[in-house]
Amino acid sequence: MDDHLEIKFRNVPRANDADAVRRIMKSSGFFEEAPDEIDRAVDNLMHAMKLPPESGDYLFLFAEAGGRVAGYACYGIIPCTVGSYYIYWLAVDNSLRGGGTGKKLIAKIEEDIAARGGRKIFLQTAGREQYIPTHKFYEKRGYELEAVLKDYYVPGDPCFFYSKSL
């Protein structure tokens, strides 16, 4: 997949998106240390699908290419803040990584958050060596490392907190 492949975006989850989210997250290879995270992501999606669109705590964005879900994101406003948003998950099918889908997905998220009056975006990611490309991805897009929490996920795996002002 390259930057020129047409990607269509949608915000409203569909019935088969739970399977797509599970497939994408499993393919990434990033969730072996905490396999329950995949279940949590799918549960959040399933719960949101029972509610009227955009009435819950979570917003979704799906990137479709070639008739299938190529990537997805879950994000939302941080309760008790003024214009602060959090990206809970952003994942791209591993077979498509490096082709521009993630870049387009995060740009679309930022555009949506700005349109909602968002002023700042926060996210977190693991600190294992496997995540170095993830850190570079966010840093290249203007996210700044705010904090590192030692032994956050498991012993020896810190949590990197990033933010970006819009």
N, C-alpha and C. Protein backbone atom coordinates (compact mmCIF):
# COMPACT_ATOMS: atom_id res chain seq x y z
N MET A 1 0.85 -1.18 0.00
CA MET A 1 0.00 0.00 0.00
C MET A 1 0.88 1.23 0.00
N ASP A 2 0.49 2.23 -0.74
CA ASP A 2 1.30 3.44 -0.77
C ASP A 2 0.44 4.66 -0.47
N ASP A 3 1.10 5.82 -0.41
CA ASP A 3 0.41 7.06 -0.09
C ASP A 3 -0.64 7.43 -1.14
N HIS A 4 -0.62 6.79 -2.29
CA HIS A 4 -1.54 7.17 -3.36
C HIS A 4 -2.79 6.30 -3.40
N LEU A 5 -2.84 5.24 -2.60
CA LEU A 5 -4.03 4.41 -2.55
C LEU A 5 -5.17 5.19 -1.92
N GLU A 6 -6.32 5.10 -2.52
CA GLU A 6 -7.47 5.84 -2.00
C GLU A 6 -7.94 5.23 -0.68
N ILE A 7 -8.05 6.09 0.31
CA ILE A 7 -8.55 5.67 1.62
C ILE A 7 -9.83 6.44 1.88
N LYS A 8 -10.85 5.72 2.27
CA LYS A 8 -12.12 6.33 2.64
C LYS A 8 -12.25 6.25 4.16
N PHE A 9 -12.74 7.33 4.74
CA PHE A 9 -12.90 7.38 6.19
C PHE A 9 -14.38 7.39 6.55
N ARG A 10 -14.67 6.78 7.69
CA ARG A 10 -16.01 6.84 8.24
C ARG A 10 -15.91 6.82 9.77
N ASN A 11 -16.91 7.42 10.40
CA ASN A 11 -16.93 7.52 11.85
C ASN A 11 -17.91 6.56 12.51
N VAL A 12 -18.89 6.12 11.78
CA VAL A 12 -19.94 5.28 12.37
C VAL A 12 -19.53 3.81 12.27
N PRO A 13 -19.45 3.13 13.43
CA PRO A 13 -19.09 1.71 13.42
C PRO A 13 -20.16 0.86 12.74
N ARG A 14 -19.71 -0.24 12.15
CA ARG A 14 -20.60 -1.21 11.52
C ARG A 14 -20.48 -2.54 12.27
N ALA A 15 -21.42 -3.42 12.02
CA ALA A 15 -21.48 -4.69 12.74
C ALA A 15 -20.20 -5.52 12.61
N ASN A 16 -19.57 -5.52 11.45
CA ASN A 16 -18.37 -6.35 11.25
C ASN A 16 -17.08 -5.65 11.69
N ASP A 17 -17.17 -4.45 12.24
CA ASP A 17 -15.96 -3.73 12.64
C ASP A 17 -15.26 -4.37 13.83
N ALA A 18 -16.00 -5.06 14.69
CA ALA A 18 -15.35 -5.72 15.83
C ALA A 18 -14.33 -6.74 15.34
N ASP A 19 -14.71 -7.52 14.32
CA ASP A 19 -13.78 -8.49 13.75
C ASP A 19 -12.59 -7.79 13.11
N ALA A 20 -12.84 -6.67 12.44
CA ALA A 20 -11.76 -5.92 11.80
C ALA A 20 -10.79 -5.35 12.83
N VAL A 21 -11.32 -4.81 13.92
CA VAL A 21 -10.46 -4.26 14.98
C VAL A 21 -9.61 -5.37 15.58
N ARG A 22 -10.22 -6.51 15.86
CA ARG A 22 -9.46 -7.64 16.42
C ARG A 22 -8.36 -8.07 15.45
N ARG A 23 -8.71 -8.19 14.17
CA ARG A 23 -7.73 -8.59 13.15
C ARG A 23 -6.57 -7.61 13.08
N ILE A 24 -6.88 -6.33 13.04
CA ILE A 24 -5.85 -5.30 12.91
C ILE A 24 -4.93 -5.30 14.13
N MET A 25 -5.52 -5.35 15.31
CA MET A 25 -4.70 -5.30 16.52
C MET A 25 -3.84 -6.56 16.67
N LYS A 26 -4.39 -7.72 16.33
CA LYS A 26 -3.59 -8.95 16.40
C LYS A 26 -2.45 -8.91 15.39
N SER A 27 -2.73 -8.40 14.20
CA SER A 27 -1.71 -8.38 13.14
C SER A 27 -0.54 -7.48 13.49
N SER A 28 -0.78 -6.49 14.34
CA SER A 28 0.26 -5.51 14.65
C SER A 28 1.43 -6.10 15.41
N GLY A 29 1.17 -7.14 16.21
CA GLY A 29 2.23 -7.72 17.02
C GLY A 29 2.59 -6.89 18.24
N PHE A 30 1.81 -5.86 18.54
CA PHE A 30 2.12 -4.97 19.65
C PHE A 30 1.36 -5.30 20.93
N PHE A 31 0.50 -6.28 20.92
CA PHE A 31 -0.35 -6.49 22.08
C PHE A 31 -0.15 -7.85 22.76
N GLU A 32 0.95 -8.55 22.47
CA GLU A 32 1.20 -9.84 23.09
C GLU A 32 1.40 -9.73 24.60
N GLU A 33 1.99 -8.63 25.04
CA GLU A 33 2.26 -8.43 26.47
C GLU A 33 0.97 -8.21 27.25
N ALA A 34 -0.06 -7.71 26.60
CA ALA A 34 -1.34 -7.43 27.26
C ALA A 34 -2.48 -7.81 26.32
N PRO A 35 -2.69 -9.12 26.10
CA PRO A 35 -3.71 -9.54 25.14
C PRO A 35 -5.12 -9.09 25.51
N ASP A 36 -5.36 -8.80 26.78
CA ASP A 36 -6.69 -8.32 27.17
C ASP A 36 -6.97 -6.93 26.61
N GLU A 37 -5.94 -6.24 26.15
CA GLU A 37 -6.14 -4.92 25.55
C GLU A 37 -6.97 -5.02 24.27
N ILE A 38 -6.75 -6.07 23.51
CA ILE A 38 -7.54 -6.26 22.29
C ILE A 38 -9.01 -6.46 22.67
N ASP A 39 -9.26 -7.28 23.67
CA ASP A 39 -10.64 -7.50 24.12
C ASP A 39 -11.27 -6.19 24.60
N ARG A 40 -10.49 -5.40 25.30
CA ARG A 40 -11.00 -4.11 25.81
C ARG A 40 -11.37 -3.19 24.64
N ALA A 41 -10.52 -3.13 23.63
CA ALA A 41 -10.80 -2.28 22.47
C ALA A 41 -12.08 -2.74 21.77
N VAL A 42 -12.24 -4.04 21.60
CA VAL A 42 -13.43 -4.58 20.95
C VAL A 42 -14.67 -4.34 21.82
N ASP A 43 -14.54 -4.54 23.13
CA ASP A 43 -15.67 -4.29 24.04
C ASP A 43 -16.12 -2.83 23.98
N ASN A 44 -15.17 -1.90 23.95
CA ASN A 44 -15.52 -0.48 23.86
C ASN A 44 -16.28 -0.19 22.57
N LEU A 45 -15.84 -0.79 21.48
CA LEU A 45 -16.52 -0.62 20.20
C LEU A 45 -17.93 -1.20 20.26
N MET A 46 -18.06 -2.40 20.79
CA MET A 46 -19.37 -3.05 20.86
C MET A 46 -20.33 -2.24 21.74
N HIS A 47 -19.84 -1.72 22.84
CA HIS A 47 -20.67 -0.89 23.71
C HIS A 47 -21.11 0.38 22.97
N ALA A 48 -20.18 1.01 22.29
CA ALA A 48 -20.50 2.25 21.57
C ALA A 48 -21.54 2.01 20.48
N MET A 49 -21.53 0.83 19.88
CA MET A 49 -22.48 0.53 18.81
C MET A 49 -23.91 0.42 19.32
N LYS A 50 -24.08 0.24 20.62
CA LYS A 50 -25.42 0.15 21.21
C LYS A 50 -26.00 1.53 21.52
N LEU A 51 -25.17 2.56 21.43
CA LEU A 51 -25.58 3.92 21.77
C LEU A 51 -25.84 4.73 20.49
N PRO A 52 -26.59 5.82 20.62
CA PRO A 52 -26.71 6.72 19.46
C PRO A 52 -25.32 7.23 19.07
N PRO A 53 -25.08 7.48 17.79
CA PRO A 53 -23.75 7.97 17.36
C PRO A 53 -23.27 9.15 18.19
N GLU A 54 -22.02 9.07 18.60
CA GLU A 54 -21.31 10.13 19.32
C GLU A 54 -21.96 10.51 20.65
N SER A 55 -22.70 9.58 21.25
CA SER A 55 -23.31 9.89 22.54
C SER A 55 -22.49 9.34 23.70
N GLY A 56 -21.51 8.51 23.42
CA GLY A 56 -20.71 7.92 24.47
C GLY A 56 -19.39 8.64 24.66
N ASP A 57 -18.51 8.00 25.39
CA ASP A 57 -17.20 8.57 25.69
C ASP A 57 -16.21 8.37 24.55
N TYR A 58 -16.52 7.49 23.62
CA TYR A 58 -15.56 7.13 22.58
C TYR A 58 -16.04 7.55 21.20
N LEU A 59 -15.10 8.06 20.43
CA LEU A 59 -15.31 8.36 19.02
C LEU A 59 -14.45 7.38 18.22
N PHE A 60 -14.89 7.05 17.03
CA PHE A 60 -14.16 6.09 16.21
C PHE A 60 -13.92 6.66 14.83
N LEU A 61 -12.82 6.21 14.24
CA LEU A 61 -12.52 6.55 12.86
C LEU A 61 -11.97 5.30 12.20
N PHE A 62 -12.57 4.94 11.08
CA PHE A 62 -12.15 3.76 10.34
C PHE A 62 -11.61 4.20 8.99
N ALA A 63 -10.46 3.64 8.62
CA ALA A 63 -9.85 3.89 7.32
C ALA A 63 -10.06 2.64 6.47
N GLU A 64 -10.71 2.81 5.34
CA GLU A 64 -10.98 1.69 4.46
C GLU A 64 -10.20 1.84 3.17
N ALA A 65 -9.61 0.75 2.74
CA ALA A 65 -8.87 0.72 1.48
C ALA A 65 -9.13 -0.63 0.82
N GLY A 66 -9.41 -0.59 -0.44
CA GLY A 66 -9.64 -1.84 -1.16
C GLY A 66 -10.82 -2.63 -0.62
N GLY A 67 -11.81 -1.96 -0.06
CA GLY A 67 -13.01 -2.63 0.42
C GLY A 67 -12.92 -3.25 1.79
N ARG A 68 -11.82 -3.00 2.50
CA ARG A 68 -11.71 -3.54 3.86
C ARG A 68 -11.14 -2.50 4.81
N VAL A 69 -11.34 -2.73 6.09
CA VAL A 69 -10.82 -1.81 7.10
C VAL A 69 -9.31 -2.00 7.17
N ALA A 70 -8.59 -0.93 6.89
CA ALA A 70 -7.13 -0.95 6.88
C ALA A 70 -6.54 -0.42 8.18
N GLY A 71 -7.31 0.39 8.89
CA GLY A 71 -6.85 0.96 10.15
C GLY A 71 -8.02 1.54 10.90
N TYR A 72 -7.80 1.77 12.19
CA TYR A 72 -8.87 2.35 12.98
C TYR A 72 -8.28 3.11 14.14
N ALA A 73 -9.09 4.01 14.68
CA ALA A 73 -8.70 4.76 15.88
C ALA A 73 -9.91 4.92 16.78
N CYS A 74 -9.63 4.95 18.06
CA CYS A 74 -10.62 5.23 19.08
C CYS A 74 -10.07 6.40 19.89
N TYR A 75 -10.88 7.44 20.06
CA TYR A 75 -10.43 8.63 20.76
C TYR A 75 -11.63 9.31 21.40
N GLY A 76 -11.37 10.30 22.22
CA GLY A 76 -12.48 11.01 22.83
C GLY A 76 -12.02 12.13 23.72
N ILE A 77 -12.98 12.96 24.11
CA ILE A 77 -12.67 14.07 25.00
C ILE A 77 -12.34 13.50 26.38
N ILE A 78 -11.39 14.11 27.05
CA ILE A 78 -11.03 13.70 28.40
C ILE A 78 -12.03 14.36 29.35
N PRO A 79 -12.77 13.57 30.12
CA PRO A 79 -13.76 14.16 31.03
C PRO A 79 -13.13 15.19 31.97
N CYS A 80 -13.91 16.20 32.30
CA CYS A 80 -13.52 17.25 33.25
C CYS A 80 -12.37 18.11 32.74
N THR A 81 -12.22 18.20 31.42
CA THR A 81 -11.21 19.09 30.83
C THR A 81 -11.90 20.02 29.84
N VAL A 82 -11.20 21.03 29.42
CA VAL A 82 -11.70 21.95 28.40
C VAL A 82 -10.87 21.73 27.14
N GLY A 83 -11.43 20.98 26.20
CA GLY A 83 -10.78 20.79 24.91
C GLY A 83 -9.61 19.84 24.87
N SER A 84 -9.44 19.00 25.89
CA SER A 84 -8.36 18.00 25.87
C SER A 84 -8.94 16.66 25.40
N TYR A 85 -8.28 16.06 24.44
CA TYR A 85 -8.71 14.78 23.88
C TYR A 85 -7.62 13.74 24.08
N TYR A 86 -8.04 12.49 24.06
CA TYR A 86 -7.13 11.37 24.25
C TYR A 86 -7.31 10.38 23.10
N ILE A 87 -6.21 9.94 22.52
CA ILE A 87 -6.26 8.87 21.53
C ILE A 87 -6.00 7.57 22.28
N TYR A 88 -7.03 6.73 22.36
CA TYR A 88 -6.92 5.47 23.09
C TYR A 88 -6.21 4.41 22.27
N TRP A 89 -6.61 4.28 21.02
CA TRP A 89 -5.98 3.32 20.12
C TRP A 89 -5.91 3.90 18.72
N LEU A 90 -4.80 3.62 18.07
CA LEU A 90 -4.63 3.91 16.65
C LEU A 90 -3.84 2.73 16.12
N ALA A 91 -4.43 1.98 15.21
CA ALA A 91 -3.76 0.78 14.71
C ALA A 91 -4.03 0.63 13.22
N VAL A 92 -3.02 0.13 12.53
CA VAL A 92 -3.10 -0.12 11.09
C VAL A 92 -2.74 -1.58 10.87
N ASP A 93 -3.44 -2.23 9.96
CA ASP A 93 -3.14 -3.61 9.62
C ASP A 93 -1.65 -3.72 9.32
N ASN A 94 -0.99 -4.70 9.93
CA ASN A 94 0.46 -4.81 9.80
C ASN A 94 0.91 -4.94 8.35
N SER A 95 0.11 -5.59 7.52
CA SER A 95 0.50 -5.75 6.11
C SER A 95 0.49 -4.42 5.36
N LEU A 96 -0.10 -3.39 5.96
CA LEU A 96 -0.21 -2.09 5.31
C LEU A 96 0.62 -1.01 5.99
N ARG A 97 1.31 -1.36 7.07
CA ARG A 97 2.08 -0.36 7.81
C ARG A 97 3.21 0.19 6.95
N GLY A 98 3.47 1.48 7.14
CA GLY A 98 4.52 2.14 6.38
C GLY A 98 4.05 2.70 5.05
N GLY A 99 2.78 2.52 4.74
CA GLY A 99 2.26 2.96 3.46
C GLY A 99 1.46 4.25 3.50
N GLY A 100 1.40 4.89 4.64
CA GLY A 100 0.71 6.18 4.73
C GLY A 100 -0.66 6.14 5.38
N THR A 101 -1.18 4.96 5.66
CA THR A 101 -2.51 4.87 6.27
C THR A 101 -2.53 5.52 7.65
N GLY A 102 -1.54 5.22 8.48
CA GLY A 102 -1.47 5.80 9.82
C GLY A 102 -1.35 7.30 9.78
N LYS A 103 -0.54 7.80 8.86
CA LYS A 103 -0.36 9.24 8.70
C LYS A 103 -1.68 9.92 8.34
N LYS A 104 -2.42 9.32 7.43
CA LYS A 104 -3.71 9.88 7.02
C LYS A 104 -4.74 9.77 8.14
N LEU A 105 -4.68 8.68 8.87
CA LEU A 105 -5.61 8.46 9.97
C LEU A 105 -5.42 9.49 11.07
N ILE A 106 -4.17 9.72 11.48
CA ILE A 106 -3.94 10.68 12.57
C ILE A 106 -4.24 12.10 12.11
N ALA A 107 -3.97 12.41 10.86
CA ALA A 107 -4.30 13.74 10.35
C ALA A 107 -5.81 13.97 10.39
N LYS A 108 -6.57 12.94 10.04
CA LYS A 108 -8.03 13.04 10.07
C LYS A 108 -8.54 13.16 11.51
N ILE A 109 -7.93 12.45 12.44
CA ILE A 109 -8.30 12.56 13.86
C ILE A 109 -8.06 13.99 14.34
N GLU A 110 -6.89 14.53 14.04
CA GLU A 110 -6.55 15.89 14.46
C GLU A 110 -7.53 16.90 13.87
N GLU A 111 -7.89 16.71 12.62
CA GLU A 111 -8.85 17.59 11.95
C GLU A 111 -10.21 17.52 12.66
N ASP A 112 -10.64 16.32 13.01
CA ASP A 112 -11.93 16.15 13.69
C ASP A 112 -11.90 16.77 15.08
N ILE A 113 -10.83 16.54 15.82
CA ILE A 113 -10.72 17.11 17.17
C ILE A 113 -10.71 18.64 17.10
N ALA A 114 -9.98 19.19 16.16
CA ALA A 114 -9.94 20.66 16.00
C ALA A 114 -11.34 21.20 15.68
N ALA A 115 -12.07 20.50 14.82
CA ALA A 115 -13.43 20.93 14.46
C ALA A 115 -14.38 20.88 15.66
N ARG A 116 -14.06 20.05 16.63
CA ARG A 116 -14.87 19.94 17.84
C ARG A 116 -14.44 20.94 18.92
N GLY A 117 -13.46 21.77 18.59
CA GLY A 117 -12.97 22.75 19.56
C GLY A 117 -11.85 22.23 20.43
N GLY A 118 -11.29 21.10 20.06
CA GLY A 118 -10.17 20.54 20.82
C GLY A 118 -8.95 21.43 20.74
N ARG A 119 -8.21 21.50 21.83
CA ARG A 119 -7.02 22.33 21.87
C ARG A 119 -5.75 21.51 22.10
N LYS A 120 -5.90 20.31 22.66
CA LYS A 120 -4.72 19.49 22.95
C LYS A 120 -5.09 18.01 22.86
N ILE A 121 -4.14 17.23 22.35
CA ILE A 121 -4.32 15.78 22.22
C ILE A 121 -3.26 15.09 23.06
N PHE A 122 -3.69 14.07 23.79
CA PHE A 122 -2.78 13.25 24.59
C PHE A 122 -2.88 11.80 24.12
N LEU A 123 -1.79 11.07 24.29
CA LEU A 123 -1.78 9.64 24.02
C LEU A 123 -0.64 9.01 24.79
N GLN A 124 -0.69 7.71 24.90
CA GLN A 124 0.40 7.00 25.56
C GLN A 124 0.77 5.78 24.74
N THR A 125 2.00 5.36 24.91
CA THR A 125 2.50 4.17 24.22
C THR A 125 3.57 3.52 25.09
N ALA A 126 3.81 2.27 24.84
CA ALA A 126 4.81 1.54 25.61
C ALA A 126 6.21 2.03 25.24
N GLY A 127 7.16 1.68 26.08
CA GLY A 127 8.52 2.12 25.87
C GLY A 127 9.47 1.03 25.39
N ARG A 128 8.94 -0.18 25.18
CA ARG A 128 9.79 -1.27 24.70
C ARG A 128 10.42 -0.91 23.36
N GLU A 129 11.53 -1.55 23.06
CA GLU A 129 12.26 -1.29 21.82
C GLU A 129 11.36 -1.45 20.59
N GLN A 130 10.44 -2.38 20.65
CA GLN A 130 9.50 -2.62 19.56
C GLN A 130 8.73 -1.34 19.20
N TYR A 131 8.57 -0.44 20.17
CA TYR A 131 7.77 0.77 19.97
C TYR A 131 8.57 1.97 19.47
N ILE A 132 9.85 1.82 19.23
CA ILE A 132 10.65 2.95 18.75
C ILE A 132 10.06 3.54 17.46
N PRO A 133 9.66 2.72 16.48
CA PRO A 133 9.02 3.31 15.29
C PRO A 133 7.73 4.07 15.62
N THR A 134 7.00 3.60 16.63
CA THR A 134 5.78 4.29 17.06
C THR A 134 6.12 5.66 17.63
N HIS A 135 7.15 5.72 18.48
CA HIS A 135 7.59 7.00 19.05
C HIS A 135 7.98 7.96 17.92
N LYS A 136 8.74 7.46 16.96
CA LYS A 136 9.18 8.31 15.84
C LYS A 136 7.99 8.78 15.01
N PHE A 137 7.00 7.91 14.84
CA PHE A 137 5.79 8.27 14.09
C PHE A 137 5.12 9.48 14.72
N TYR A 138 4.90 9.42 16.03
CA TYR A 138 4.22 10.54 16.71
C TYR A 138 5.10 11.79 16.76
N GLU A 139 6.37 11.62 17.05
CA GLU A 139 7.27 12.78 17.13
C GLU A 139 7.37 13.50 15.79
N LYS A 140 7.39 12.73 14.71
CA LYS A 140 7.46 13.33 13.37
C LYS A 140 6.21 14.17 13.07
N ARG A 141 5.12 13.86 13.73
CA ARG A 141 3.86 14.58 13.52
C ARG A 141 3.60 15.64 14.58
N GLY A 142 4.65 16.00 15.31
CA GLY A 142 4.55 17.12 16.24
C GLY A 142 4.16 16.79 17.66
N TYR A 143 4.07 15.52 17.99
CA TYR A 143 3.76 15.13 19.37
C TYR A 143 5.03 15.22 20.21
N GLU A 144 4.88 15.76 21.41
CA GLU A 144 6.02 15.94 22.31
C GLU A 144 5.92 14.98 23.48
N LEU A 145 7.05 14.40 23.85
CA LEU A 145 7.10 13.51 25.00
C LEU A 145 6.95 14.34 26.27
N GLU A 146 5.89 14.09 27.03
CA GLU A 146 5.60 14.84 28.25
C GLU A 146 6.14 14.16 29.49
N ALA A 147 6.09 12.82 29.51
CA ALA A 147 6.51 12.10 30.71
C ALA A 147 6.83 10.65 30.36
N VAL A 148 7.69 10.06 31.17
CA VAL A 148 7.99 8.64 31.08
C VAL A 148 7.76 8.05 32.47
N LEU A 149 6.89 7.06 32.54
CA LEU A 149 6.59 6.40 33.82
C LEU A 149 7.23 5.01 33.79
N LYS A 150 8.17 4.80 34.67
CA LYS A 150 8.92 3.53 34.71
C LYS A 150 8.02 2.37 35.15
N ASP A 151 8.32 1.20 34.60
CA ASP A 151 7.63 -0.04 34.98
C ASP A 151 6.11 0.08 34.95
N TYR A 152 5.58 0.78 34.00
CA TYR A 152 4.15 1.07 33.94
C TYR A 152 3.33 -0.15 33.50
N TYR A 153 3.69 -0.73 32.36
CA TYR A 153 2.91 -1.83 31.81
C TYR A 153 3.27 -3.16 32.47
N VAL A 154 4.54 -3.47 32.45
CA VAL A 154 5.11 -4.63 33.14
C VAL A 154 6.49 -4.19 33.60
N PRO A 155 7.10 -4.91 34.53
CA PRO A 155 8.46 -4.51 34.94
C PRO A 155 9.38 -4.36 33.73
N GLY A 156 10.03 -3.22 33.66
CA GLY A 156 10.96 -2.94 32.57
C GLY A 156 10.33 -2.26 31.36
N ASP A 157 9.03 -2.08 31.36
CA ASP A 157 8.35 -1.46 30.22
C ASP A 157 7.71 -0.15 30.66
N PRO A 158 8.35 0.97 30.33
CA PRO A 158 7.79 2.26 30.73
C PRO A 158 6.64 2.70 29.83
N CYS A 159 5.92 3.68 30.29
CA CYS A 159 4.86 4.31 29.53
C CYS A 159 5.35 5.68 29.08
N PHE A 160 5.24 5.96 27.79
CA PHE A 160 5.60 7.26 27.24
C PHE A 160 4.30 8.03 27.00
N PHE A 161 4.16 9.19 27.66
CA PHE A 161 3.00 10.06 27.46
C PHE A 161 3.39 11.18 26.50
N TYR A 162 2.60 11.32 25.45
CA TYR A 162 2.83 12.36 24.45
C TYR A 162 1.65 13.34 24.43
N SER A 163 1.93 14.55 23.93
CA SER A 163 0.86 15.51 23.72
C SER A 163 1.16 16.35 22.49
N LYS A 164 0.10 16.95 21.96
CA LYS A 164 0.24 17.87 20.84
C LYS A 164 -0.80 18.96 21.00
N SER A 165 -0.35 20.21 20.90
CA SER A 165 -1.28 21.34 20.92
C SER A 165 -1.77 21.60 19.51
N LEU A 166 -3.05 21.87 19.39
CA LEU A 166 -3.64 22.14 18.07
C LEU A 166 -3.70 23.63 17.82
